[in-house]
mmCIF file of all heavy atoms, coordinates in Angstrom:
data_MODEL
# 
_entry.id   MODEL 
# 
loop_
_atom_site.group_PDB 
_atom_site.id 
_atom_site.type_symbol 
_atom_site.label_atom_id 
_atom_site.label_alt_id 
_atom_site.label_comp_id 
_atom_site.label_asym_id 
_atom_site.label_entity_id 
_atom_site.label_seq_id 
_atom_site.pdbx_PDB_ins_code 
_atom_site.Cartn_x 
_atom_site.Cartn_y 
_atom_site.Cartn_z 
_atom_site.occupancy 
_atom_site.B_iso_or_equiv 
_atom_site.pdbx_formal_charge 
_atom_site.auth_seq_id 
_atom_site.auth_comp_id 
_atom_site.auth_asym_id 
_atom_site.auth_atom_id 
_atom_site.pdbx_PDB_model_num 
ATOM 1   N N   . GLU A 1 1  ? 61.378 -54.576 -87.534  1.00 0.00 ? 1  GLU A N   1 
ATOM 2   C CA  . GLU A 1 1  ? 62.588 -55.319 -87.256  1.00 0.00 ? 1  GLU A CA  1 
ATOM 3   C C   . GLU A 1 1  ? 62.447 -56.811 -87.544  1.00 0.00 ? 1  GLU A C   1 
ATOM 4   O O   . GLU A 1 1  ? 63.348 -57.409 -88.121  1.00 0.00 ? 1  GLU A O   1 
ATOM 5   C CB  . GLU A 1 1  ? 62.989 -55.079 -85.796  1.00 0.00 ? 1  GLU A CB  1 
ATOM 6   C CG  . GLU A 1 1  ? 63.427 -53.761 -85.427  1.00 0.00 ? 1  GLU A CG  1 
ATOM 7   C CD  . GLU A 1 1  ? 64.685 -53.306 -86.177  1.00 0.00 ? 1  GLU A CD  1 
ATOM 8   O OE1 . GLU A 1 1  ? 65.565 -54.159 -86.466  1.00 0.00 ? 1  GLU A OE1 1 
ATOM 9   O OE2 . GLU A 1 1  ? 64.821 -52.092 -86.567  1.00 0.00 ? 1  GLU A OE2 1 
ATOM 10  N N   . GLU A 1 2  ? 61.258 -57.355 -87.192  1.00 0.00 ? 2  GLU A N   1 
ATOM 11  C CA  . GLU A 1 2  ? 61.028 -58.774 -87.446  1.00 0.00 ? 2  GLU A CA  1 
ATOM 12  C C   . GLU A 1 2  ? 61.051 -59.021 -89.013  1.00 0.00 ? 2  GLU A C   1 
ATOM 13  O O   . GLU A 1 2  ? 61.524 -60.034 -89.431  1.00 0.00 ? 2  GLU A O   1 
ATOM 14  C CB  . GLU A 1 2  ? 59.765 -59.217 -86.798  1.00 0.00 ? 2  GLU A CB  1 
ATOM 15  C CG  . GLU A 1 2  ? 59.816 -59.464 -85.274  1.00 0.00 ? 2  GLU A CG  1 
ATOM 16  C CD  . GLU A 1 2  ? 60.920 -60.499 -84.925  1.00 0.00 ? 2  GLU A CD  1 
ATOM 17  O OE1 . GLU A 1 2  ? 61.002 -61.543 -85.578  1.00 0.00 ? 2  GLU A OE1 1 
ATOM 18  O OE2 . GLU A 1 2  ? 61.727 -60.121 -83.968  1.00 0.00 ? 2  GLU A OE2 1 
ATOM 19  N N   . ALA A 1 3  ? 60.345 -58.165 -89.704  1.00 0.00 ? 3  ALA A N   1 
ATOM 20  C CA  . ALA A 1 3  ? 60.274 -58.305 -91.123  1.00 0.00 ? 3  ALA A CA  1 
ATOM 21  C C   . ALA A 1 3  ? 61.699 -58.189 -91.869  1.00 0.00 ? 3  ALA A C   1 
ATOM 22  O O   . ALA A 1 3  ? 62.019 -59.027 -92.712  1.00 0.00 ? 3  ALA A O   1 
ATOM 23  C CB  . ALA A 1 3  ? 59.365 -57.259 -91.767  1.00 0.00 ? 3  ALA A CB  1 
ATOM 24  N N   . ILE A 1 4  ? 62.525 -57.279 -91.291  1.00 0.00 ? 4  ILE A N   1 
ATOM 25  C CA  . ILE A 1 4  ? 63.842 -57.174 -91.839  1.00 0.00 ? 4  ILE A CA  1 
ATOM 26  C C   . ILE A 1 4  ? 64.651 -58.504 -91.547  1.00 0.00 ? 4  ILE A C   1 
ATOM 27  O O   . ILE A 1 4  ? 65.284 -58.946 -92.373  1.00 0.00 ? 4  ILE A O   1 
ATOM 28  C CB  . ILE A 1 4  ? 64.547 -55.922 -91.230  1.00 0.00 ? 4  ILE A CB  1 
ATOM 29  C CG1 . ILE A 1 4  ? 63.905 -54.658 -91.851  1.00 0.00 ? 4  ILE A CG1 1 
ATOM 30  C CG2 . ILE A 1 4  ? 66.042 -55.967 -91.437  1.00 0.00 ? 4  ILE A CG2 1 
ATOM 31  C CD1 . ILE A 1 4  ? 64.350 -53.422 -91.230  1.00 0.00 ? 4  ILE A CD1 1 
ATOM 32  N N   . LYS A 1 5  ? 64.507 -58.985 -90.374  1.00 0.00 ? 5  LYS A N   1 
ATOM 33  C CA  . LYS A 1 5  ? 65.224 -60.209 -89.946  1.00 0.00 ? 5  LYS A CA  1 
ATOM 34  C C   . LYS A 1 5  ? 64.777 -61.396 -90.837  1.00 0.00 ? 5  LYS A C   1 
ATOM 35  O O   . LYS A 1 5  ? 65.551 -62.128 -91.320  1.00 0.00 ? 5  LYS A O   1 
ATOM 36  C CB  . LYS A 1 5  ? 64.957 -60.541 -88.463  1.00 0.00 ? 5  LYS A CB  1 
ATOM 37  C CG  . LYS A 1 5  ? 65.736 -59.734 -87.571  1.00 0.00 ? 5  LYS A CG  1 
ATOM 38  C CD  . LYS A 1 5  ? 65.432 -60.237 -86.092  1.00 0.00 ? 5  LYS A CD  1 
ATOM 39  C CE  . LYS A 1 5  ? 65.969 -59.199 -85.123  1.00 0.00 ? 5  LYS A CE  1 
ATOM 40  N NZ  . LYS A 1 5  ? 65.549 -59.542 -83.753  1.00 0.00 ? 5  LYS A NZ  1 
ATOM 41  N N   . ARG A 1 6  ? 63.465 -61.411 -91.088  1.00 0.00 ? 6  ARG A N   1 
ATOM 42  C CA  . ARG A 1 6  ? 62.941 -62.491 -91.928  1.00 0.00 ? 6  ARG A CA  1 
ATOM 43  C C   . ARG A 1 6  ? 63.466 -62.428 -93.359  1.00 0.00 ? 6  ARG A C   1 
ATOM 44  O O   . ARG A 1 6  ? 63.937 -63.446 -93.879  1.00 0.00 ? 6  ARG A O   1 
ATOM 45  C CB  . ARG A 1 6  ? 61.423 -62.383 -91.907  1.00 0.00 ? 6  ARG A CB  1 
ATOM 46  C CG  . ARG A 1 6  ? 60.713 -63.602 -92.508  1.00 0.00 ? 6  ARG A CG  1 
ATOM 47  C CD  . ARG A 1 6  ? 59.184 -63.672 -92.312  1.00 0.00 ? 6  ARG A CD  1 
ATOM 48  N NE  . ARG A 1 6  ? 58.569 -62.439 -92.886  1.00 0.00 ? 6  ARG A NE  1 
ATOM 49  C CZ  . ARG A 1 6  ? 57.976 -61.417 -92.133  1.00 0.00 ? 6  ARG A CZ  1 
ATOM 50  N NH1 . ARG A 1 6  ? 58.067 -61.588 -90.829  1.00 0.00 ? 6  ARG A NH1 1 
ATOM 51  N NH2 . ARG A 1 6  ? 57.441 -60.503 -92.737  1.00 0.00 ? 6  ARG A NH2 1 
ATOM 52  N N   . ILE A 1 7  ? 63.527 -61.149 -93.956  1.00 0.00 ? 7  ILE A N   1 
ATOM 53  C CA  . ILE A 1 7  ? 64.043 -60.964 -95.269  1.00 0.00 ? 7  ILE A CA  1 
ATOM 54  C C   . ILE A 1 7  ? 65.530 -61.371 -95.332  1.00 0.00 ? 7  ILE A C   1 
ATOM 55  O O   . ILE A 1 7  ? 65.969 -62.026 -96.276  1.00 0.00 ? 7  ILE A O   1 
ATOM 56  C CB  . ILE A 1 7  ? 63.722 -59.626 -95.791  1.00 0.00 ? 7  ILE A CB  1 
ATOM 57  C CG1 . ILE A 1 7  ? 62.252 -59.439 -96.029  1.00 0.00 ? 7  ILE A CG1 1 
ATOM 58  C CG2 . ILE A 1 7  ? 64.509 -59.327 -97.084  1.00 0.00 ? 7  ILE A CG2 1 
ATOM 59  C CD1 . ILE A 1 7  ? 61.834 -58.000 -96.194  1.00 0.00 ? 7  ILE A CD1 1 
ATOM 60  N N   . MET A 1 8  ? 66.246 -60.858 -94.344  1.00 0.00 ? 8  MET A N   1 
ATOM 61  C CA  . MET A 1 8  ? 67.749 -61.042 -94.320  1.00 0.00 ? 8  MET A CA  1 
ATOM 62  C C   . MET A 1 8  ? 68.048 -62.516 -94.125  1.00 0.00 ? 8  MET A C   1 
ATOM 63  O O   . MET A 1 8  ? 69.121 -62.972 -94.534  1.00 0.00 ? 8  MET A O   1 
ATOM 64  C CB  . MET A 1 8  ? 68.341 -60.233 -93.211  1.00 0.00 ? 8  MET A CB  1 
ATOM 65  C CG  . MET A 1 8  ? 68.416 -58.698 -93.512  1.00 0.00 ? 8  MET A CG  1 
ATOM 66  S SD  . MET A 1 8  ? 69.260 -58.332 -94.969  1.00 0.00 ? 8  MET A SD  1 
ATOM 67  C CE  . MET A 1 8  ? 70.866 -58.879 -94.605  1.00 0.00 ? 8  MET A CE  1 
ATOM 68  N N   . SER A 1 9  ? 67.148 -63.334 -93.619  1.00 0.00 ? 9  SER A N   1 
ATOM 69  C CA  . SER A 1 9  ? 67.431 -64.798 -93.411  1.00 0.00 ? 9  SER A CA  1 
ATOM 70  C C   . SER A 1 9  ? 67.346 -65.567 -94.687  1.00 0.00 ? 9  SER A C   1 
ATOM 71  O O   . SER A 1 9  ? 67.690 -66.683 -94.731  1.00 0.00 ? 9  SER A O   1 
ATOM 72  C CB  . SER A 1 9  ? 66.568 -65.358 -92.321  1.00 0.00 ? 9  SER A CB  1 
ATOM 73  O OG  . SER A 1 9  ? 65.270 -65.463 -92.827  1.00 0.00 ? 9  SER A OG  1 
ATOM 74  N N   . HIS A 1 10 ? 66.704 -64.980 -95.763  1.00 0.00 ? 10 HIS A N   1 
ATOM 75  C CA  . HIS A 1 10 ? 66.563 -65.700 -96.991  1.00 0.00 ? 10 HIS A CA  1 
ATOM 76  C C   . HIS A 1 10 ? 67.941 -65.962 -97.656  1.00 0.00 ? 10 HIS A C   1 
ATOM 77  O O   . HIS A 1 10 ? 68.802 -65.053 -97.670  1.00 0.00 ? 10 HIS A O   1 
ATOM 78  C CB  . HIS A 1 10 ? 65.702 -64.905 -97.976  1.00 0.00 ? 10 HIS A CB  1 
ATOM 79  C CG  . HIS A 1 10 ? 64.272 -64.959 -97.559  1.00 0.00 ? 10 HIS A CG  1 
ATOM 80  N ND1 . HIS A 1 10 ? 63.427 -65.970 -97.895  1.00 0.00 ? 10 HIS A ND1 1 
ATOM 81  C CD2 . HIS A 1 10 ? 63.475 -64.033 -96.927  1.00 0.00 ? 10 HIS A CD2 1 
ATOM 82  C CE1 . HIS A 1 10 ? 62.200 -65.722 -97.463  1.00 0.00 ? 10 HIS A CE1 1 
ATOM 83  N NE2 . HIS A 1 10 ? 62.258 -64.502 -96.922  1.00 0.00 ? 10 HIS A NE2 1 
ATOM 84  N N   . LYS A 1 11 ? 68.122 -67.042 -98.292  1.00 0.00 ? 11 LYS A N   1 
ATOM 85  C CA  . LYS A 1 11 ? 69.362 -67.425 -98.879  1.00 0.00 ? 11 LYS A CA  1 
ATOM 86  C C   . LYS A 1 11 ? 69.700 -66.413 -99.974  1.00 0.00 ? 11 LYS A C   1 
ATOM 87  O O   . LYS A 1 11 ? 68.889 -66.139 -100.825 1.00 0.00 ? 11 LYS A O   1 
ATOM 88  C CB  . LYS A 1 11 ? 69.172 -68.778 -99.506  1.00 0.00 ? 11 LYS A CB  1 
ATOM 89  C CG  . LYS A 1 11 ? 70.507 -69.332 -100.148 1.00 0.00 ? 11 LYS A CG  1 
ATOM 90  C CD  . LYS A 1 11 ? 70.280 -70.724 -100.642 1.00 0.00 ? 11 LYS A CD  1 
ATOM 91  C CE  . LYS A 1 11 ? 71.580 -71.162 -101.406 1.00 0.00 ? 11 LYS A CE  1 
ATOM 92  N NZ  . LYS A 1 11 ? 71.387 -72.397 -102.135 1.00 0.00 ? 11 LYS A NZ  1 
ATOM 93  N N   . GLY A 1 12 ? 70.867 -65.909 -100.040 1.00 0.00 ? 12 GLY A N   1 
ATOM 94  C CA  . GLY A 1 12 ? 71.404 -64.987 -101.072 1.00 0.00 ? 12 GLY A CA  1 
ATOM 95  C C   . GLY A 1 12 ? 71.239 -63.556 -100.861 1.00 0.00 ? 12 GLY A C   1 
ATOM 96  O O   . GLY A 1 12 ? 71.685 -62.768 -101.524 1.00 0.00 ? 12 GLY A O   1 
ATOM 97  N N   . VAL A 1 13 ? 70.440 -63.222 -99.730  1.00 0.00 ? 13 VAL A N   1 
ATOM 98  C CA  . VAL A 1 13 ? 70.227 -61.783 -99.467  1.00 0.00 ? 13 VAL A CA  1 
ATOM 99  C C   . VAL A 1 13 ? 71.492 -61.223 -98.876  1.00 0.00 ? 13 VAL A C   1 
ATOM 100 O O   . VAL A 1 13 ? 72.060 -61.660 -97.956  1.00 0.00 ? 13 VAL A O   1 
ATOM 101 C CB  . VAL A 1 13 ? 69.005 -61.540 -98.571  1.00 0.00 ? 13 VAL A CB  1 
ATOM 102 C CG1 . VAL A 1 13 ? 68.895 -60.053 -98.072  1.00 0.00 ? 13 VAL A CG1 1 
ATOM 103 C CG2 . VAL A 1 13 ? 67.751 -62.014 -99.171  1.00 0.00 ? 13 VAL A CG2 1 
ATOM 104 N N   . VAL A 1 14 ? 71.868 -60.087 -99.623  1.00 0.00 ? 14 VAL A N   1 
ATOM 105 C CA  . VAL A 1 14 ? 73.130 -59.378 -99.231  1.00 0.00 ? 14 VAL A CA  1 
ATOM 106 C C   . VAL A 1 14 ? 72.912 -58.209 -98.301  1.00 0.00 ? 14 VAL A C   1 
ATOM 107 O O   . VAL A 1 14 ? 73.631 -57.912 -97.330  1.00 0.00 ? 14 VAL A O   1 
ATOM 108 C CB  . VAL A 1 14 ? 73.897 -58.931 -100.441 1.00 0.00 ? 14 VAL A CB  1 
ATOM 109 C CG1 . VAL A 1 14 ? 75.108 -58.120 -100.127 1.00 0.00 ? 14 VAL A CG1 1 
ATOM 110 C CG2 . VAL A 1 14 ? 74.271 -60.078 -101.415 1.00 0.00 ? 14 VAL A CG2 1 
ATOM 111 N N   . GLY A 1 15 ? 71.801 -57.523 -98.498  1.00 0.00 ? 15 GLY A N   1 
ATOM 112 C CA  . GLY A 1 15 ? 71.439 -56.360 -97.742  1.00 0.00 ? 15 GLY A CA  1 
ATOM 113 C C   . GLY A 1 15 ? 70.078 -55.824 -98.071  1.00 0.00 ? 15 GLY A C   1 
ATOM 114 O O   . GLY A 1 15 ? 69.416 -56.215 -98.970  1.00 0.00 ? 15 GLY A O   1 
ATOM 115 N N   . LEU A 1 16 ? 69.579 -54.966 -97.166  1.00 0.00 ? 16 LEU A N   1 
ATOM 116 C CA  . LEU A 1 16 ? 68.298 -54.366 -97.190  1.00 0.00 ? 16 LEU A CA  1 
ATOM 117 C C   . LEU A 1 16 ? 68.411 -52.910 -96.760  1.00 0.00 ? 16 LEU A C   1 
ATOM 118 O O   . LEU A 1 16 ? 69.019 -52.597 -95.767  1.00 0.00 ? 16 LEU A O   1 
ATOM 119 C CB  . LEU A 1 16 ? 67.391 -55.203 -96.310  1.00 0.00 ? 16 LEU A CB  1 
ATOM 120 C CG  . LEU A 1 16 ? 65.913 -54.728 -96.182  1.00 0.00 ? 16 LEU A CG  1 
ATOM 121 C CD1 . LEU A 1 16 ? 65.069 -55.885 -96.046  1.00 0.00 ? 16 LEU A CD1 1 
ATOM 122 C CD2 . LEU A 1 16 ? 65.603 -53.714 -95.192  1.00 0.00 ? 16 LEU A CD2 1 
ATOM 123 N N   . ILE A 1 17 ? 67.702 -51.987 -97.476  1.00 0.00 ? 17 ILE A N   1 
ATOM 124 C CA  . ILE A 1 17 ? 67.676 -50.665 -97.237  1.00 0.00 ? 17 ILE A CA  1 
ATOM 125 C C   . ILE A 1 17 ? 66.175 -50.169 -97.290  1.00 0.00 ? 17 ILE A C   1 
ATOM 126 O O   . ILE A 1 17 ? 65.443 -50.538 -98.158  1.00 0.00 ? 17 ILE A O   1 
ATOM 127 C CB  . ILE A 1 17 ? 68.458 -49.830 -98.230  1.00 0.00 ? 17 ILE A CB  1 
ATOM 128 C CG1 . ILE A 1 17 ? 69.897 -50.375 -98.452  1.00 0.00 ? 17 ILE A CG1 1 
ATOM 129 C CG2 . ILE A 1 17 ? 68.538 -48.344 -97.797  1.00 0.00 ? 17 ILE A CG2 1 
ATOM 130 C CD1 . ILE A 1 17 ? 70.540 -49.938 -99.729  1.00 0.00 ? 17 ILE A CD1 1 
ATOM 131 N N   . VAL A 1 18 ? 65.808 -49.390 -96.269  1.00 0.00 ? 18 VAL A N   1 
ATOM 132 C CA  . VAL A 1 18 ? 64.470 -48.816 -96.276  1.00 0.00 ? 18 VAL A CA  1 
ATOM 133 C C   . VAL A 1 18 ? 64.817 -47.283 -96.448  1.00 0.00 ? 18 VAL A C   1 
ATOM 134 O O   . VAL A 1 18 ? 65.587 -46.739 -95.676  1.00 0.00 ? 18 VAL A O   1 
ATOM 135 C CB  . VAL A 1 18 ? 63.716 -49.036 -94.969  1.00 0.00 ? 18 VAL A CB  1 
ATOM 136 C CG1 . VAL A 1 18 ? 62.418 -48.251 -94.916  1.00 0.00 ? 18 VAL A CG1 1 
ATOM 137 C CG2 . VAL A 1 18 ? 63.501 -50.513 -94.744  1.00 0.00 ? 18 VAL A CG2 1 
ATOM 138 N N   . ILE A 1 19 ? 64.213 -46.717 -97.410  1.00 0.00 ? 19 ILE A N   1 
ATOM 139 C CA  . ILE A 1 19 ? 64.344 -45.287 -97.671  1.00 0.00 ? 19 ILE A CA  1 
ATOM 140 C C   . ILE A 1 19 ? 62.952 -44.557 -97.531  1.00 0.00 ? 19 ILE A C   1 
ATOM 141 O O   . ILE A 1 19 ? 61.974 -45.127 -97.780  1.00 0.00 ? 19 ILE A O   1 
ATOM 142 C CB  . ILE A 1 19 ? 64.992 -44.939 -99.020  1.00 0.00 ? 19 ILE A CB  1 
ATOM 143 C CG1 . ILE A 1 19 ? 64.070 -45.469 -100.212 1.00 0.00 ? 19 ILE A CG1 1 
ATOM 144 C CG2 . ILE A 1 19 ? 66.377 -45.658 -99.211  1.00 0.00 ? 19 ILE A CG2 1 
ATOM 145 C CD1 . ILE A 1 19 ? 64.539 -45.159 -101.624 1.00 0.00 ? 19 ILE A CD1 1 
ATOM 146 N N   . ASN A 1 20 ? 63.069 -43.219 -97.154  1.00 0.00 ? 20 ASN A N   1 
ATOM 147 C CA  . ASN A 1 20 ? 61.870 -42.509 -97.037  1.00 0.00 ? 20 ASN A CA  1 
ATOM 148 C C   . ASN A 1 20 ? 61.570 -41.869 -98.474  1.00 0.00 ? 20 ASN A C   1 
ATOM 149 O O   . ASN A 1 20 ? 62.198 -42.162 -99.418  1.00 0.00 ? 20 ASN A O   1 
ATOM 150 C CB  . ASN A 1 20 ? 62.053 -41.304 -96.044  1.00 0.00 ? 20 ASN A CB  1 
ATOM 151 C CG  . ASN A 1 20 ? 63.017 -40.250 -96.339  1.00 0.00 ? 20 ASN A CG  1 
ATOM 152 O OD1 . ASN A 1 20 ? 63.483 -40.088 -97.582  1.00 0.00 ? 20 ASN A OD1 1 
ATOM 153 N ND2 . ASN A 1 20 ? 63.342 -39.374 -95.467  1.00 0.00 ? 20 ASN A ND2 1 
ATOM 154 N N   . HIS A 1 21 ? 60.459 -41.127 -98.532  1.00 0.00 ? 21 HIS A N   1 
ATOM 155 C CA  . HIS A 1 21 ? 59.958 -40.626 -99.832  1.00 0.00 ? 21 HIS A CA  1 
ATOM 156 C C   . HIS A 1 21 ? 60.940 -39.601 -100.483 1.00 0.00 ? 21 HIS A C   1 
ATOM 157 O O   . HIS A 1 21 ? 60.746 -39.387 -101.712 1.00 0.00 ? 21 HIS A O   1 
ATOM 158 C CB  . HIS A 1 21 ? 58.553 -39.982 -99.683  1.00 0.00 ? 21 HIS A CB  1 
ATOM 159 C CG  . HIS A 1 21 ? 58.516 -38.728 -98.916  1.00 0.00 ? 21 HIS A CG  1 
ATOM 160 N ND1 . HIS A 1 21 ? 58.622 -38.759 -97.540  1.00 0.00 ? 21 HIS A ND1 1 
ATOM 161 C CD2 . HIS A 1 21 ? 58.573 -37.423 -99.284  1.00 0.00 ? 21 HIS A CD2 1 
ATOM 162 C CE1 . HIS A 1 21 ? 58.609 -37.447 -97.092  1.00 0.00 ? 21 HIS A CE1 1 
ATOM 163 N NE2 . HIS A 1 21 ? 58.609 -36.630 -98.142  1.00 0.00 ? 21 HIS A NE2 1 
ATOM 164 N N   . GLU A 1 22 ? 61.908 -39.117 -99.786  1.00 0.00 ? 22 GLU A N   1 
ATOM 165 C CA  . GLU A 1 22 ? 62.940 -38.251 -100.299 1.00 0.00 ? 22 GLU A CA  1 
ATOM 166 C C   . GLU A 1 22 ? 64.182 -39.062 -100.821 1.00 0.00 ? 22 GLU A C   1 
ATOM 167 O O   . GLU A 1 22 ? 65.085 -38.396 -101.276 1.00 0.00 ? 22 GLU A O   1 
ATOM 168 C CB  . GLU A 1 22 ? 63.277 -37.145 -99.219  1.00 0.00 ? 22 GLU A CB  1 
ATOM 169 C CG  . GLU A 1 22 ? 62.161 -36.268 -98.900  1.00 0.00 ? 22 GLU A CG  1 
ATOM 170 C CD  . GLU A 1 22 ? 62.590 -35.384 -97.728  1.00 0.00 ? 22 GLU A CD  1 
ATOM 171 O OE1 . GLU A 1 22 ? 63.412 -35.695 -96.954  1.00 0.00 ? 22 GLU A OE1 1 
ATOM 172 O OE2 . GLU A 1 22 ? 62.045 -34.278 -97.633  1.00 0.00 ? 22 GLU A OE2 1 
ATOM 173 N N   . GLY A 1 23 ? 64.168 -40.289 -100.586 1.00 0.00 ? 23 GLY A N   1 
ATOM 174 C CA  . GLY A 1 23 ? 65.275 -41.148 -100.971 1.00 0.00 ? 23 GLY A CA  1 
ATOM 175 C C   . GLY A 1 23 ? 66.447 -41.240 -99.963  1.00 0.00 ? 23 GLY A C   1 
ATOM 176 O O   . GLY A 1 23 ? 67.536 -41.613 -100.318 1.00 0.00 ? 23 GLY A O   1 
ATOM 177 N N   . ILE A 1 24 ? 66.164 -40.903 -98.751  1.00 0.00 ? 24 ILE A N   1 
ATOM 178 C CA  . ILE A 1 24 ? 67.174 -40.877 -97.692  1.00 0.00 ? 24 ILE A CA  1 
ATOM 179 C C   . ILE A 1 24 ? 67.006 -42.262 -96.958  1.00 0.00 ? 24 ILE A C   1 
ATOM 180 O O   . ILE A 1 24 ? 65.932 -42.649 -96.435  1.00 0.00 ? 24 ILE A O   1 
ATOM 181 C CB  . ILE A 1 24 ? 66.955 -39.763 -96.712  1.00 0.00 ? 24 ILE A CB  1 
ATOM 182 C CG1 . ILE A 1 24 ? 67.201 -38.365 -97.463  1.00 0.00 ? 24 ILE A CG1 1 
ATOM 183 C CG2 . ILE A 1 24 ? 67.898 -39.867 -95.589  1.00 0.00 ? 24 ILE A CG2 1 
ATOM 184 C CD1 . ILE A 1 24 ? 66.647 -37.266 -96.733  1.00 0.00 ? 24 ILE A CD1 1 
ATOM 185 N N   . PRO A 1 25 ? 68.162 -42.982 -96.826  1.00 0.00 ? 25 PRO A N   1 
ATOM 186 C CA  . PRO A 1 25 ? 68.076 -44.244 -96.010  1.00 0.00 ? 25 PRO A CA  1 
ATOM 187 C C   . PRO A 1 25 ? 67.767 -43.963 -94.522  1.00 0.00 ? 25 PRO A C   1 
ATOM 188 O O   . PRO A 1 25 ? 68.411 -43.161 -93.963  1.00 0.00 ? 25 PRO A O   1 
ATOM 189 C CB  . PRO A 1 25 ? 69.462 -44.833 -96.192  1.00 0.00 ? 25 PRO A CB  1 
ATOM 190 C CG  . PRO A 1 25 ? 70.133 -44.032 -97.282  1.00 0.00 ? 25 PRO A CG  1 
ATOM 191 C CD  . PRO A 1 25 ? 69.438 -42.760 -97.329  1.00 0.00 ? 25 PRO A CD  1 
ATOM 192 N N   . ILE A 1 26 ? 66.740 -44.741 -94.070  1.00 0.00 ? 26 ILE A N   1 
ATOM 193 C CA  . ILE A 1 26 ? 66.390 -44.543 -92.671  1.00 0.00 ? 26 ILE A CA  1 
ATOM 194 C C   . ILE A 1 26 ? 66.642 -45.877 -91.852  1.00 0.00 ? 26 ILE A C   1 
ATOM 195 O O   . ILE A 1 26 ? 66.701 -45.869 -90.680  1.00 0.00 ? 26 ILE A O   1 
ATOM 196 C CB  . ILE A 1 26 ? 64.851 -44.135 -92.527  1.00 0.00 ? 26 ILE A CB  1 
ATOM 197 C CG1 . ILE A 1 26 ? 63.968 -45.145 -93.207  1.00 0.00 ? 26 ILE A CG1 1 
ATOM 198 C CG2 . ILE A 1 26 ? 64.672 -42.776 -92.995  1.00 0.00 ? 26 ILE A CG2 1 
ATOM 199 C CD1 . ILE A 1 26 ? 62.492 -44.922 -92.902  1.00 0.00 ? 26 ILE A CD1 1 
ATOM 200 N N   . LYS A 1 27 ? 66.906 -46.951 -92.699  1.00 0.00 ? 27 LYS A N   1 
ATOM 201 C CA  . LYS A 1 27 ? 67.270 -48.208 -92.033  1.00 0.00 ? 27 LYS A CA  1 
ATOM 202 C C   . LYS A 1 27 ? 68.064 -49.023 -93.046  1.00 0.00 ? 27 LYS A C   1 
ATOM 203 O O   . LYS A 1 27 ? 67.615 -49.044 -94.229  1.00 0.00 ? 27 LYS A O   1 
ATOM 204 C CB  . LYS A 1 27 ? 65.889 -49.011 -91.654  1.00 0.00 ? 27 LYS A CB  1 
ATOM 205 C CG  . LYS A 1 27 ? 66.154 -50.105 -90.699  1.00 0.00 ? 27 LYS A CG  1 
ATOM 206 C CD  . LYS A 1 27 ? 65.531 -49.734 -89.508  1.00 0.00 ? 27 LYS A CD  1 
ATOM 207 C CE  . LYS A 1 27 ? 65.638 -50.714 -88.317  1.00 0.00 ? 27 LYS A CE  1 
ATOM 208 N NZ  . LYS A 1 27 ? 66.219 -50.143 -87.168  1.00 0.00 ? 27 LYS A NZ  1 
ATOM 209 N N   . SER A 1 28 ? 69.091 -49.663 -92.611  1.00 0.00 ? 28 SER A N   1 
ATOM 210 C CA  . SER A 1 28 ? 69.941 -50.353 -93.605  1.00 0.00 ? 28 SER A CA  1 
ATOM 211 C C   . SER A 1 28 ? 70.831 -51.453 -92.906  1.00 0.00 ? 28 SER A C   1 
ATOM 212 O O   . SER A 1 28 ? 71.147 -51.198 -91.725  1.00 0.00 ? 28 SER A O   1 
ATOM 213 C CB  . SER A 1 28 ? 70.861 -49.433 -94.320  1.00 0.00 ? 28 SER A CB  1 
ATOM 214 O OG  . SER A 1 28 ? 71.597 -50.176 -95.273  1.00 0.00 ? 28 SER A OG  1 
# 
C-alpha cells in the first residue's frame, strides 16, 4: 500500500494496476 501511494504521488501518474501471473487485476 505504501509503495502504491508513493508511485501514485509522482507527477503525471494516472493509474496503477497490479496483476497476477494469469493477467487478472488484483489491485488497481
